[in-house]
Amino acid sequence: MNKKHVLLAASFLAIASDQLSNNGCNDWDWPVDWTEEERKEFATIMVSDNVGRNPEDFTEEDKQDVEELTKHGPPDWWVALVLGKILKKGAL
């Protein structure tokens, strides 16, 4: 994929996130082949993006949010939103 393809995919993920947030059904779960460490890493990225702090500056509440997301999985719209941001950041 070239840079424009990645940015296009990122923009579609942002659109998908908006649509999913109106869905009312956030039944997404972690892929079965993801380890707890992989889940926690992605959950940390999500919380960091949401609160605007680096993980080393997380509050106790932020850390609890990471633990909850790691165990139960985040909402589908949030996964799409963060994936789009990751793609966009990587393309720029």
C-alpha atoms as a PDB file:
ATOM      1  CA  MET A   1       0.000   0.000   0.000  1.00  0.00           C
ATOM      2  CA  ASN A   2       1.229   3.455  -0.733  1.00  0.00           C
ATOM      3  CA  LYS A   3       0.715   6.537   1.451  1.00  0.00           C
ATOM      4  CA  LYS A   4      -2.528   7.585  -0.280  1.00  0.00           C
ATOM      5  CA  HIS A   5      -3.987   4.083   0.130  1.00  0.00           C
ATOM      6  CA  VAL A   6      -3.189   4.106   3.827  1.00  0.00           C
ATOM      7  CA  LEU A   7      -4.724   7.560   4.311  1.00  0.00           C
ATOM      8  CA  LEU A   8      -7.820   6.454   2.403  1.00  0.00           C
ATOM      9  CA  ALA A   9      -8.153   3.376   4.612  1.00  0.00           C
ATOM     10  CA  ALA A  10      -7.750   5.593   7.685  1.00  0.00           C
ATOM     11  CA  SER A  11     -10.517   7.908   6.497  1.00  0.00           C
ATOM     12  CA  PHE A  12     -12.833   4.950   5.881  1.00  0.00           C
ATOM     13  CA  LEU A  13     -12.137   3.674   9.374  1.00  0.00           C
ATOM     14  CA  ALA A  14     -13.123   7.092  10.766  1.00  0.00           C
ATOM     15  CA  ILE A  15     -16.402   6.885   8.817  1.00  0.00           C
ATOM     16  CA  ALA A  16     -16.947   3.326  10.008  1.00  0.00           C
ATOM     17  CA  SER A  17     -16.318   4.419  13.585  1.00  0.00           C
ATOM     18  CA  ASP A  18     -19.051   7.065  13.304  1.00  0.00           C
ATOM     19  CA  GLN A  19     -21.480   4.519  11.891  1.00  0.00           C
ATOM     20  CA  LEU A  20     -20.631   1.891  14.490  1.00  0.00           C
ATOM     21  CA  SER A  21     -21.075   4.380  17.330  1.00  0.00           C
ATOM     22  CA  ASN A  22     -24.697   4.818  16.250  1.00  0.00           C
ATOM     23  CA  ASN A  23     -25.211   1.086  16.012  1.00  0.00           C
ATOM     24  CA  GLY A  24     -26.081   0.551  19.669  1.00  0.00           C
ATOM     25  CA  CYS A  25     -24.561  -2.918  19.529  1.00  0.00           C
ATOM     26  CA  ASN A  26     -20.939  -3.035  20.542  1.00  0.00           C
ATOM     27  CA  ASP A  27     -20.536  -6.789  20.345  1.00  0.00           C
ATOM     28  CA  TRP A  28     -16.907  -6.810  19.223  1.00  0.00           C
ATOM     29  CA  ASP A  29     -14.471  -9.003  21.103  1.00  0.00           C
ATOM     30  CA  TRP A  30     -10.733  -9.531  20.929  1.00  0.00           C
ATOM     31  CA  PRO A  31      -9.508 -11.915  18.233  1.00  0.00           C
ATOM     32  CA  VAL A  32      -9.050 -15.351  19.786  1.00  0.00           C
ATOM     33  CA  ASP A  33      -5.410 -15.550  18.746  1.00  0.00           C
ATOM     34  CA  TRP A  34      -4.438 -12.347  20.607  1.00  0.00           C
ATOM     35  CA  THR A  35      -2.513 -12.882  23.816  1.00  0.00           C
ATOM     36  CA  GLU A  36      -3.329 -10.931  26.944  1.00  0.00           C
ATOM     37  CA  GLU A  37      -0.120  -8.959  26.397  1.00  0.00           C
ATOM     38  CA  GLU A  38      -1.224  -7.979  22.859  1.00  0.00           C
ATOM     39  CA  ARG A  39      -4.645  -7.000  24.139  1.00  0.00           C
ATOM     40  CA  LYS A  40      -3.126  -4.887  26.898  1.00  0.00           C
ATOM     41  CA  GLU A  41      -0.762  -3.182  24.449  1.00  0.00           C
ATOM     42  CA  PHE A  42      -3.641  -2.171  22.175  1.00  0.00           C
ATOM     43  CA  ALA A  43      -5.831  -1.168  25.140  1.00  0.00           C
ATOM     44  CA  THR A  44      -2.995   1.045  26.374  1.00  0.00           C
ATOM     45  CA  ILE A  45      -2.800   2.747  22.974  1.00  0.00           C
ATOM     46  CA  MET A  46      -6.565   3.325  23.083  1.00  0.00           C
ATOM     47  CA  VAL A  47      -6.584   4.813  26.568  1.00  0.00           C
ATOM     48  CA  SER A  48      -3.541   6.971  25.810  1.00  0.00           C
ATOM     49  CA  ASP A  49      -5.290   8.361  22.729  1.00  0.00           C
ATOM     50  CA  ASN A  50      -8.475   8.955  24.683  1.00  0.00           C
ATOM     51  CA  VAL A  51      -6.976  10.736  27.684  1.00  0.00           C
ATOM     52  CA  GLY A  52      -4.105  12.484  25.897  1.00  0.00           C
ATOM     53  CA  ARG A  53      -1.440  11.131  28.241  1.00  0.00           C
ATOM     54  CA  ASN A  54       1.515   8.841  27.730  1.00  0.00           C
ATOM     55  CA  PRO A  55       1.220   5.505  29.574  1.00  0.00           C
ATOM     56  CA  GLU A  56       3.930   6.520  32.048  1.00  0.00           C
ATOM     57  CA  ASP A  57       1.675   9.421  33.078  1.00  0.00           C
ATOM     58  CA  PHE A  58      -1.494   7.337  33.470  1.00  0.00           C
ATOM     59  CA  THR A  59      -3.639   7.914  36.513  1.00  0.00           C
ATOM     60  CA  GLU A  60      -4.979   4.973  38.502  1.00  0.00           C
ATOM     61  CA  GLU A  61      -8.271   5.401  36.629  1.00  0.00           C
ATOM     62  CA  ASP A  62      -6.456   5.192  33.279  1.00  0.00           C
ATOM     63  CA  LYS A  63      -4.717   2.005  34.395  1.00  0.00           C
ATOM     64  CA  GLN A  64      -8.054   0.531  35.474  1.00  0.00           C
ATOM     65  CA  ASP A  65      -9.520   1.388  32.071  1.00  0.00           C
ATOM     66  CA  VAL A  66      -6.666  -0.505  30.395  1.00  0.00           C
ATOM     67  CA  GLU A  67      -7.344  -3.535  32.604  1.00  0.00           C
ATOM     68  CA  GLU A  68     -11.076  -3.473  31.844  1.00  0.00           C
ATOM     69  CA  LEU A  69     -10.505  -3.153  28.095  1.00  0.00           C
ATOM     70  CA  THR A  70      -7.940  -5.947  28.212  1.00  0.00           C
ATOM     71  CA  LYS A  71     -10.404  -8.284  29.917  1.00  0.00           C
ATOM     72  CA  HIS A  72     -13.676  -7.380  28.210  1.00  0.00           C
ATOM     73  CA  GLY A  73     -12.736  -5.816  24.887  1.00  0.00           C
ATOM     74  CA  PRO A  74     -13.408  -2.275  23.715  1.00  0.00           C
ATOM     75  CA  PRO A  75     -16.443  -1.117  21.733  1.00  0.00           C
ATOM     76  CA  ASP A  76     -16.225  -1.743  17.990  1.00  0.00           C
ATOM     77  CA  TRP A  77     -16.402   1.942  17.078  1.00  0.00           C
ATOM     78  CA  TRP A  78     -13.418   2.736  19.276  1.00  0.00           C
ATOM     79  CA  VAL A  79     -11.322  -0.008  17.667  1.00  0.00           C
ATOM     80  CA  ALA A  80     -12.095   1.428  14.206  1.00  0.00           C
ATOM     81  CA  LEU A  81     -11.317   4.972  15.361  1.00  0.00           C
ATOM     82  CA  VAL A  82      -7.957   4.081  16.893  1.00  0.00           C
ATOM     83  CA  LEU A  83      -6.929   1.846  13.970  1.00  0.00           C
ATOM     84  CA  GLY A  84      -7.624   4.731  11.617  1.00  0.00           C
ATOM     85  CA  LYS A  85      -5.492   7.055  13.730  1.00  0.00           C
ATOM     86  CA  ILE A  86      -2.667   4.505  13.828  1.00  0.00           C
ATOM     87  CA  LEU A  87      -2.751   4.122  10.051  1.00  0.00           C
ATOM     88  CA  LYS A  88      -2.846   7.873   9.481  1.00  0.00           C
ATOM     89  CA  LYS A  89       0.032   8.499  11.885  1.00  0.00           C
ATOM     90  CA  GLY A  90       2.103   5.799  10.190  1.00  0.00           C
ATOM     91  CA  ALA A  91       1.464   7.298   6.754  1.00  0.00           C
ATOM     92  CA  LEU A  92       2.483  10.841   7.667  1.00  0.00           C
END
